[in-house]
Amino acid sequence: MHTVGVFEAKNRLTALLDEVEGGGEVIITRKGKPIARLAPLESGHNRAKARAAANGLREASKGLSLGGVSIKDLIREGCR
């Protein structure tokens, strides 16, 4: 991540977009104060992150039990 002034950002927009497209991030300043951040858009769905999260939950739940209570019993209890 690096910082550029507004004037430089206007003059180098295409190059800055190329940098952001490659995963970089640019802070745009006016008179030395940060006013905007140019960053890549994240798609709505990231399968790799979702898969990693699901795997993490599976690993974390290994060895855990409901102490003999069934899922149906818990659902029934929650509906009361």
N, C-alpha and C. Protein backbone atom coordinates (compact mmCIF):
# COMPACT_ATOMS: atom_id res chain seq x y z
N MET A 1 0.86 -1.17 0.00
CA MET A 1 0.00 0.00 0.00
C MET A 1 0.90 1.23 0.00
N HIS A 2 0.52 2.17 -0.83
CA HIS A 2 1.25 3.43 -0.78
C HIS A 2 0.29 4.60 -0.94
N THR A 3 0.82 5.80 -0.80
CA THR A 3 0.01 7.01 -0.78
C THR A 3 0.37 7.90 -1.97
N VAL A 4 -0.67 8.48 -2.57
CA VAL A 4 -0.47 9.44 -3.65
C VAL A 4 -1.40 10.61 -3.43
N GLY A 5 -1.00 11.77 -3.94
CA GLY A 5 -1.84 12.96 -3.88
C GLY A 5 -2.90 12.91 -4.97
N VAL A 6 -3.90 13.76 -4.85
CA VAL A 6 -5.00 13.81 -5.82
C VAL A 6 -4.48 14.07 -7.22
N PHE A 7 -3.58 15.02 -7.38
CA PHE A 7 -3.06 15.37 -8.70
C PHE A 7 -2.38 14.17 -9.35
N GLU A 8 -1.54 13.48 -8.58
CA GLU A 8 -0.85 12.30 -9.10
C GLU A 8 -1.86 11.19 -9.42
N ALA A 9 -2.86 11.03 -8.58
CA ALA A 9 -3.87 10.00 -8.81
C ALA A 9 -4.62 10.25 -10.12
N LYS A 10 -4.94 11.52 -10.39
CA LYS A 10 -5.63 11.84 -11.64
C LYS A 10 -4.74 11.54 -12.84
N ASN A 11 -3.47 11.87 -12.73
CA ASN A 11 -2.55 11.68 -13.84
C ASN A 11 -2.14 10.22 -14.06
N ARG A 12 -2.22 9.40 -13.01
CA ARG A 12 -1.76 8.01 -13.10
C ARG A 12 -2.86 6.99 -12.82
N LEU A 13 -4.11 7.37 -13.07
CA LEU A 13 -5.23 6.52 -12.71
C LEU A 13 -5.12 5.11 -13.29
N THR A 14 -4.78 5.00 -14.56
CA THR A 14 -4.69 3.68 -15.19
C THR A 14 -3.64 2.82 -14.50
N ALA A 15 -2.48 3.38 -14.21
CA ALA A 15 -1.43 2.63 -13.53
C ALA A 15 -1.85 2.24 -12.12
N LEU A 16 -2.55 3.13 -11.44
CA LEU A 16 -3.03 2.83 -10.09
C LEU A 16 -4.06 1.72 -10.12
N LEU A 17 -4.95 1.74 -11.11
CA LEU A 17 -5.94 0.68 -11.24
C LEU A 17 -5.28 -0.66 -11.53
N ASP A 18 -4.23 -0.64 -12.34
CA ASP A 18 -3.48 -1.88 -12.61
C ASP A 18 -2.90 -2.43 -11.31
N GLU A 19 -2.37 -1.54 -10.50
CA GLU A 19 -1.79 -1.95 -9.21
C GLU A 19 -2.86 -2.56 -8.30
N VAL A 20 -4.02 -1.91 -8.24
CA VAL A 20 -5.11 -2.40 -7.41
C VAL A 20 -5.64 -3.74 -7.94
N GLU A 21 -5.70 -3.85 -9.24
CA GLU A 21 -6.16 -5.10 -9.85
C GLU A 21 -5.25 -6.26 -9.47
N GLY A 22 -3.99 -5.95 -9.26
CA GLY A 22 -3.03 -6.96 -8.83
C GLY A 22 -3.06 -7.23 -7.34
N GLY A 23 -3.99 -6.61 -6.61
CA GLY A 23 -4.12 -6.87 -5.19
C GLY A 23 -3.60 -5.75 -4.31
N GLY A 24 -3.05 -4.71 -4.89
CA GLY A 24 -2.51 -3.60 -4.10
C GLY A 24 -3.60 -2.68 -3.59
N GLU A 25 -3.17 -1.70 -2.82
CA GLU A 25 -4.08 -0.72 -2.26
C GLU A 25 -3.39 0.64 -2.29
N VAL A 26 -4.14 1.69 -2.60
CA VAL A 26 -3.57 3.03 -2.71
C VAL A 26 -4.41 3.99 -1.86
N ILE A 27 -3.75 4.78 -1.04
CA ILE A 27 -4.42 5.83 -0.28
C ILE A 27 -4.23 7.14 -1.04
N ILE A 28 -5.32 7.86 -1.26
CA ILE A 28 -5.26 9.14 -1.97
C ILE A 28 -5.41 10.26 -0.94
N THR A 29 -4.50 11.22 -1.04
CA THR A 29 -4.49 12.32 -0.08
C THR A 29 -4.78 13.66 -0.77
N ARG A 30 -5.28 14.59 0.03
CA ARG A 30 -5.42 15.97 -0.42
C ARG A 30 -4.77 16.83 0.65
N LYS A 31 -3.78 17.60 0.25
CA LYS A 31 -3.02 18.44 1.18
C LYS A 31 -2.46 17.62 2.34
N GLY A 32 -2.03 16.39 2.02
CA GLY A 32 -1.39 15.54 3.01
C GLY A 32 -2.35 14.73 3.88
N LYS A 33 -3.66 14.97 3.76
CA LYS A 33 -4.63 14.24 4.56
C LYS A 33 -5.26 13.12 3.73
N PRO A 34 -5.29 11.90 4.25
CA PRO A 34 -5.93 10.80 3.52
C PRO A 34 -7.42 11.09 3.33
N ILE A 35 -7.90 10.94 2.09
CA ILE A 35 -9.33 11.18 1.83
C ILE A 35 -10.02 9.98 1.18
N ALA A 36 -9.24 9.07 0.60
CA ALA A 36 -9.87 7.93 -0.06
C ALA A 36 -8.90 6.76 -0.12
N ARG A 37 -9.49 5.59 -0.28
CA ARG A 37 -8.68 4.37 -0.42
C ARG A 37 -9.12 3.68 -1.70
N LEU A 38 -8.19 3.37 -2.55
CA LEU A 38 -8.44 2.64 -3.79
C LEU A 38 -8.03 1.20 -3.53
N ALA A 39 -9.01 0.30 -3.51
CA ALA A 39 -8.74 -1.09 -3.15
C ALA A 39 -9.52 -2.01 -4.07
N PRO A 40 -9.05 -3.25 -4.24
CA PRO A 40 -9.77 -4.18 -5.10
C PRO A 40 -11.12 -4.55 -4.51
N LEU A 41 -12.08 -4.76 -5.39
CA LEU A 41 -13.39 -5.24 -4.95
C LEU A 41 -13.28 -6.72 -4.66
N GLU A 42 -13.94 -7.14 -3.62
CA GLU A 42 -14.00 -8.57 -3.33
C GLU A 42 -15.30 -9.09 -3.92
N SER A 43 -15.21 -10.22 -4.57
CA SER A 43 -16.42 -10.80 -5.12
C SER A 43 -17.32 -11.23 -3.97
N GLY A 44 -18.58 -11.39 -4.25
CA GLY A 44 -19.53 -11.77 -3.22
C GLY A 44 -19.25 -13.14 -2.63
N HIS A 45 -18.65 -14.03 -3.41
CA HIS A 45 -18.42 -15.39 -2.95
C HIS A 45 -16.97 -15.77 -3.16
N ASN A 46 -16.35 -16.22 -2.11
CA ASN A 46 -14.98 -16.70 -2.20
C ASN A 46 -14.99 -18.15 -1.72
N ARG A 47 -15.02 -19.07 -2.66
CA ARG A 47 -15.13 -20.49 -2.33
C ARG A 47 -14.00 -20.96 -1.43
N ALA A 48 -12.80 -20.48 -1.69
CA ALA A 48 -11.66 -20.93 -0.89
C ALA A 48 -11.83 -20.52 0.57
N LYS A 49 -12.26 -19.28 0.82
CA LYS A 49 -12.47 -18.82 2.19
C LYS A 49 -13.62 -19.59 2.85
N ALA A 50 -14.70 -19.82 2.11
CA ALA A 50 -15.83 -20.55 2.65
C ALA A 50 -15.44 -21.98 3.00
N ARG A 51 -14.69 -22.61 2.11
CA ARG A 51 -14.25 -23.98 2.35
C ARG A 51 -13.34 -24.05 3.58
N ALA A 52 -12.43 -23.08 3.69
CA ALA A 52 -11.52 -23.05 4.83
C ALA A 52 -12.30 -22.84 6.14
N ALA A 53 -13.31 -21.99 6.10
CA ALA A 53 -14.12 -21.75 7.30
C ALA A 53 -14.88 -23.01 7.69
N ALA A 54 -15.46 -23.70 6.71
CA ALA A 54 -16.20 -24.94 7.00
C ALA A 54 -15.25 -26.00 7.57
N ASN A 55 -14.08 -26.12 6.99
CA ASN A 55 -13.10 -27.08 7.50
C ASN A 55 -12.68 -26.74 8.92
N GLY A 56 -12.52 -25.46 9.20
CA GLY A 56 -12.17 -25.03 10.55
C GLY A 56 -13.25 -25.38 11.56
N LEU A 57 -14.51 -25.21 11.17
CA LEU A 57 -15.62 -25.58 12.06
C LEU A 57 -15.65 -27.08 12.30
N ARG A 58 -15.42 -27.85 11.24
CA ARG A 58 -15.38 -29.30 11.41
C ARG A 58 -14.28 -29.72 12.38
N GLU A 59 -13.11 -29.14 12.21
CA GLU A 59 -11.98 -29.47 13.10
C GLU A 59 -12.28 -29.07 14.54
N ALA A 60 -12.86 -27.89 14.71
CA ALA A 60 -13.15 -27.40 16.05
C ALA A 60 -14.20 -28.25 16.76
N SER A 61 -15.09 -28.88 15.99
CA SER A 61 -16.16 -29.66 16.61
C SER A 61 -15.78 -31.11 16.87
N LYS A 62 -14.63 -31.53 16.40
CA LYS A 62 -14.20 -32.91 16.64
C LYS A 62 -14.09 -33.17 18.13
N GLY A 63 -14.64 -34.30 18.55
CA GLY A 63 -14.57 -34.67 19.96
C GLY A 63 -15.66 -34.05 20.82
N LEU A 64 -16.46 -33.16 20.27
CA LEU A 64 -17.54 -32.55 21.03
C LEU A 64 -18.81 -33.38 20.87
N SER A 65 -19.63 -33.39 21.88
CA SER A 65 -20.90 -34.12 21.79
C SER A 65 -22.00 -33.29 22.42
N LEU A 66 -23.22 -33.73 22.18
CA LEU A 66 -24.39 -33.05 22.76
C LEU A 66 -24.81 -33.70 24.07
N GLY A 67 -23.98 -34.58 24.58
CA GLY A 67 -24.27 -35.23 25.85
C GLY A 67 -25.51 -36.10 25.82
N GLY A 68 -25.74 -36.79 24.71
CA GLY A 68 -26.87 -37.69 24.58
C GLY A 68 -28.15 -37.03 24.13
N VAL A 69 -28.18 -35.72 23.95
CA VAL A 69 -29.37 -35.01 23.48
C VAL A 69 -29.33 -35.00 21.96
N SER A 70 -30.47 -35.22 21.32
CA SER A 70 -30.51 -35.21 19.86
C SER A 70 -30.75 -33.80 19.34
N ILE A 71 -30.41 -33.61 18.11
CA ILE A 71 -30.65 -32.32 17.45
C ILE A 71 -32.15 -32.03 17.45
N LYS A 72 -32.97 -33.05 17.16
CA LYS A 72 -34.43 -32.87 17.15
C LYS A 72 -34.94 -32.37 18.50
N ASP A 73 -34.40 -32.94 19.59
CA ASP A 73 -34.80 -32.48 20.93
C ASP A 73 -34.45 -31.01 21.13
N LEU A 74 -33.28 -30.63 20.69
CA LEU A 74 -32.86 -29.22 20.84
C LEU A 74 -33.75 -28.31 20.03
N ILE A 75 -34.09 -28.72 18.82
CA ILE A 75 -34.97 -27.90 17.97
C ILE A 75 -36.35 -27.79 18.63
N ARG A 76 -36.87 -28.92 19.09
CA ARG A 76 -38.18 -28.92 19.74
C ARG A 76 -38.17 -27.99 20.96
N GLU A 77 -37.11 -28.07 21.74
CA GLU A 77 -36.99 -27.23 22.93
C GLU A 77 -36.94 -25.75 22.57
N GLY A 78 -36.27 -25.44 21.46
CA GLY A 78 -36.16 -24.05 21.02
C GLY A 78 -37.45 -23.48 20.49
N CYS A 79 -38.36 -24.34 20.06
CA CYS A 79 -39.64 -23.88 19.49
C CYS A 79 -40.68 -23.58 20.55
N ARG A 80 -40.40 -23.89 21.79
CA ARG A 80 -41.40 -23.68 22.85
C ARG A 80 -41.43 -22.26 23.31
